[in-house]
Amino acid sequence: MHEYDIKKTHQKDMDAGKLENIIRENFGAVKNENGKLTVSFGGLSELTTWLTGNGKIAVETKMNPNVSNEIAADTVKRYNAFLFAVTGFTTKERAKKAKKSN
């Protein structure tokens, strides 16, 4: 499981409904089970995410290694777009924050 900070400007508007809409825009149909949102798409066998309530989002992923390179690339592109839409941080900014926290 990974936890990502949500930019303060995004925190005020982020709720479970908006999170579900962002997932739907990037990956399609989503299931809501006890406040945890789950989706399968491309190279993601399963992505489960939820708001932790402390300005962060938790994300668990299970990958499918048996997909083509094109599907894998599209999955990574959509995953990064999803994280940017939720957190407000780019891939580079998220990586920099992760290095600081370790």
C-alpha atoms as a PDB file:
ATOM      1  CA  MET A   1       0.000   0.000   0.000  1.00  0.00           C
ATOM      2  CA  HIS A   2       1.148   3.518  -0.811  1.00  0.00           C
ATOM      3  CA  GLU A   3      -0.038   6.726   0.779  1.00  0.00           C
ATOM      4  CA  TYR A   4       0.126   9.937  -1.211  1.00  0.00           C
ATOM      5  CA  ASP A   5      -0.225  13.476   0.120  1.00  0.00           C
ATOM      6  CA  ILE A   6      -2.999  15.543  -1.403  1.00  0.00           C
ATOM      7  CA  LYS A   7      -2.099  19.129  -2.245  1.00  0.00           C
ATOM      8  CA  LYS A   8      -3.871  21.541   0.091  1.00  0.00           C
ATOM      9  CA  THR A   9      -5.694  23.176  -2.821  1.00  0.00           C
ATOM     10  CA  HIS A  10      -7.149  19.756  -3.743  1.00  0.00           C
ATOM     11  CA  GLN A  11      -7.984  18.648  -0.184  1.00  0.00           C
ATOM     12  CA  LYS A  12     -10.905  21.037   0.292  1.00  0.00           C
ATOM     13  CA  ASP A  13     -12.750  19.633  -2.735  1.00  0.00           C
ATOM     14  CA  MET A  14     -11.748  15.984  -2.408  1.00  0.00           C
ATOM     15  CA  ASP A  15     -14.386  13.633  -1.082  1.00  0.00           C
ATOM     16  CA  ALA A  16     -15.421  10.048  -1.815  1.00  0.00           C
ATOM     17  CA  GLY A  17     -17.778  11.124  -4.601  1.00  0.00           C
ATOM     18  CA  LYS A  18     -15.144  13.158  -6.412  1.00  0.00           C
ATOM     19  CA  LEU A  19     -12.588  10.373  -5.963  1.00  0.00           C
ATOM     20  CA  GLU A  20     -15.044   7.902  -7.500  1.00  0.00           C
ATOM     21  CA  ASN A  21     -15.626  10.233 -10.467  1.00  0.00           C
ATOM     22  CA  ILE A  22     -11.872  10.597 -11.075  1.00  0.00           C
ATOM     23  CA  ILE A  23     -11.440   6.815 -11.025  1.00  0.00           C
ATOM     24  CA  ARG A  24     -14.364   6.370 -13.419  1.00  0.00           C
ATOM     25  CA  GLU A  25     -12.893   8.974 -15.820  1.00  0.00           C
ATOM     26  CA  ASN A  26      -9.522   7.212 -15.909  1.00  0.00           C
ATOM     27  CA  PHE A  27     -10.395   3.525 -15.582  1.00  0.00           C
ATOM     28  CA  GLY A  28     -14.122   2.973 -16.170  1.00  0.00           C
ATOM     29  CA  ALA A  29     -16.519   1.069 -13.912  1.00  0.00           C
ATOM     30  CA  VAL A  30     -15.721   1.200 -10.204  1.00  0.00           C
ATOM     31  CA  LYS A  31     -17.029  -0.749  -7.191  1.00  0.00           C
ATOM     32  CA  ASN A  32     -17.554   0.904  -3.815  1.00  0.00           C
ATOM     33  CA  GLU A  33     -17.149  -1.546  -0.942  1.00  0.00           C
ATOM     34  CA  ASN A  34     -17.248  -0.082   2.569  1.00  0.00           C
ATOM     35  CA  GLY A  35     -15.747   3.222   1.437  1.00  0.00           C
ATOM     36  CA  LYS A  36     -12.951   1.579  -0.555  1.00  0.00           C
ATOM     37  CA  LEU A  37     -13.113   2.026  -4.318  1.00  0.00           C
ATOM     38  CA  THR A  38     -11.938  -0.858  -6.497  1.00  0.00           C
ATOM     39  CA  VAL A  39     -11.348  -1.049 -10.239  1.00  0.00           C
ATOM     40  CA  SER A  40      -9.609  -3.325 -12.756  1.00  0.00           C
ATOM     41  CA  PHE A  41      -8.084  -1.942 -15.923  1.00  0.00           C
ATOM     42  CA  GLY A  42      -5.392  -3.012 -18.387  1.00  0.00           C
ATOM     43  CA  GLY A  43      -2.265  -3.967 -16.466  1.00  0.00           C
ATOM     44  CA  LEU A  44      -3.997  -3.420 -13.129  1.00  0.00           C
ATOM     45  CA  SER A  45      -5.616  -6.632 -11.953  1.00  0.00           C
ATOM     46  CA  GLU A  46      -6.973  -4.574  -9.091  1.00  0.00           C
ATOM     47  CA  LEU A  47      -6.604  -1.032  -7.804  1.00  0.00           C
ATOM     48  CA  THR A  48      -8.167  -0.234  -4.450  1.00  0.00           C
ATOM     49  CA  THR A  49      -8.113   3.298  -3.068  1.00  0.00           C
ATOM     50  CA  TRP A  50      -9.625   5.348  -0.283  1.00  0.00           C
ATOM     51  CA  LEU A  51      -9.207   8.692   1.432  1.00  0.00           C
ATOM     52  CA  THR A  52      -7.437   8.291   4.771  1.00  0.00           C
ATOM     53  CA  GLY A  53      -8.915  11.462   6.251  1.00  0.00           C
ATOM     54  CA  ASN A  54      -5.580  13.110   7.044  1.00  0.00           C
ATOM     55  CA  GLY A  55      -4.946  14.834   3.720  1.00  0.00           C
ATOM     56  CA  LYS A  56      -3.779  11.622   2.083  1.00  0.00           C
ATOM     57  CA  ILE A  57      -5.017   8.938  -0.244  1.00  0.00           C
ATOM     58  CA  ALA A  58      -4.164   5.254   0.160  1.00  0.00           C
ATOM     59  CA  VAL A  59      -3.675   3.123  -2.953  1.00  0.00           C
ATOM     60  CA  GLU A  60      -3.186  -0.646  -3.199  1.00  0.00           C
ATOM     61  CA  THR A  61      -2.431  -2.214  -6.564  1.00  0.00           C
ATOM     62  CA  LYS A  62      -2.134  -5.711  -7.947  1.00  0.00           C
ATOM     63  CA  MET A  63      -0.477  -5.817 -11.342  1.00  0.00           C
ATOM     64  CA  ASN A  64      -1.006  -8.207 -14.249  1.00  0.00           C
ATOM     65  CA  PRO A  65       2.443  -8.880 -15.771  1.00  0.00           C
ATOM     66  CA  ASN A  66       0.939 -10.742 -18.737  1.00  0.00           C
ATOM     67  CA  VAL A  67      -0.193  -7.721 -20.765  1.00  0.00           C
ATOM     68  CA  SER A  68       1.287  -6.247 -23.920  1.00  0.00           C
ATOM     69  CA  ASN A  69       3.683  -3.300 -23.782  1.00  0.00           C
ATOM     70  CA  GLU A  70       1.001  -1.038 -25.276  1.00  0.00           C
ATOM     71  CA  ILE A  71      -1.511  -1.955 -22.569  1.00  0.00           C
ATOM     72  CA  ALA A  72       1.130  -1.571 -19.855  1.00  0.00           C
ATOM     73  CA  ALA A  73       2.106   1.889 -21.150  1.00  0.00           C
ATOM     74  CA  ASP A  74      -1.539   2.995 -21.333  1.00  0.00           C
ATOM     75  CA  THR A  75      -2.133   1.699 -17.800  1.00  0.00           C
ATOM     76  CA  VAL A  76       0.843   3.657 -16.421  1.00  0.00           C
ATOM     77  CA  LYS A  77      -0.295   6.797 -18.260  1.00  0.00           C
ATOM     78  CA  ARG A  78      -3.816   6.523 -16.827  1.00  0.00           C
ATOM     79  CA  TYR A  79      -2.515   5.670 -13.340  1.00  0.00           C
ATOM     80  CA  ASN A  80      -0.322   8.778 -13.318  1.00  0.00           C
ATOM     81  CA  ALA A  81      -3.200  10.914 -14.641  1.00  0.00           C
ATOM     82  CA  PHE A  82      -5.421   9.516 -11.871  1.00  0.00           C
ATOM     83  CA  LEU A  83      -2.850  10.317  -9.160  1.00  0.00           C
ATOM     84  CA  PHE A  84      -2.303  13.823 -10.552  1.00  0.00           C
ATOM     85  CA  ALA A  85      -6.056  14.525 -10.621  1.00  0.00           C
ATOM     86  CA  VAL A  86      -6.443  13.368  -7.011  1.00  0.00           C
ATOM     87  CA  THR A  87      -3.250  14.670  -5.405  1.00  0.00           C
ATOM     88  CA  GLY A  88      -2.399  17.700  -7.539  1.00  0.00           C
ATOM     89  CA  PHE A  89       1.233  16.533  -7.626  1.00  0.00           C
ATOM     90  CA  THR A  90       3.071  15.442 -10.780  1.00  0.00           C
ATOM     91  CA  THR A  91       4.966  12.161 -10.961  1.00  0.00           C
ATOM     92  CA  LYS A  92       8.254  13.987 -10.303  1.00  0.00           C
ATOM     93  CA  GLU A  93       6.789  15.839  -7.315  1.00  0.00           C
ATOM     94  CA  ARG A  94       5.406  12.600  -5.845  1.00  0.00           C
ATOM     95  CA  ALA A  95       8.799  10.900  -6.287  1.00  0.00           C
ATOM     96  CA  LYS A  96      10.581  13.810  -4.604  1.00  0.00           C
ATOM     97  CA  LYS A  97       8.131  13.680  -1.655  1.00  0.00           C
ATOM     98  CA  ALA A  98       8.638   9.907  -1.356  1.00  0.00           C
ATOM     99  CA  LYS A  99      12.419  10.318  -1.209  1.00  0.00           C
ATOM    100  CA  LYS A 100      12.080  12.963   1.520  1.00  0.00           C
ATOM    101  CA  SER A 101       9.854  10.744   3.649  1.00  0.00           C
ATOM    102  CA  ASN A 102      12.287   7.782   3.549  1.00  0.00           C
END
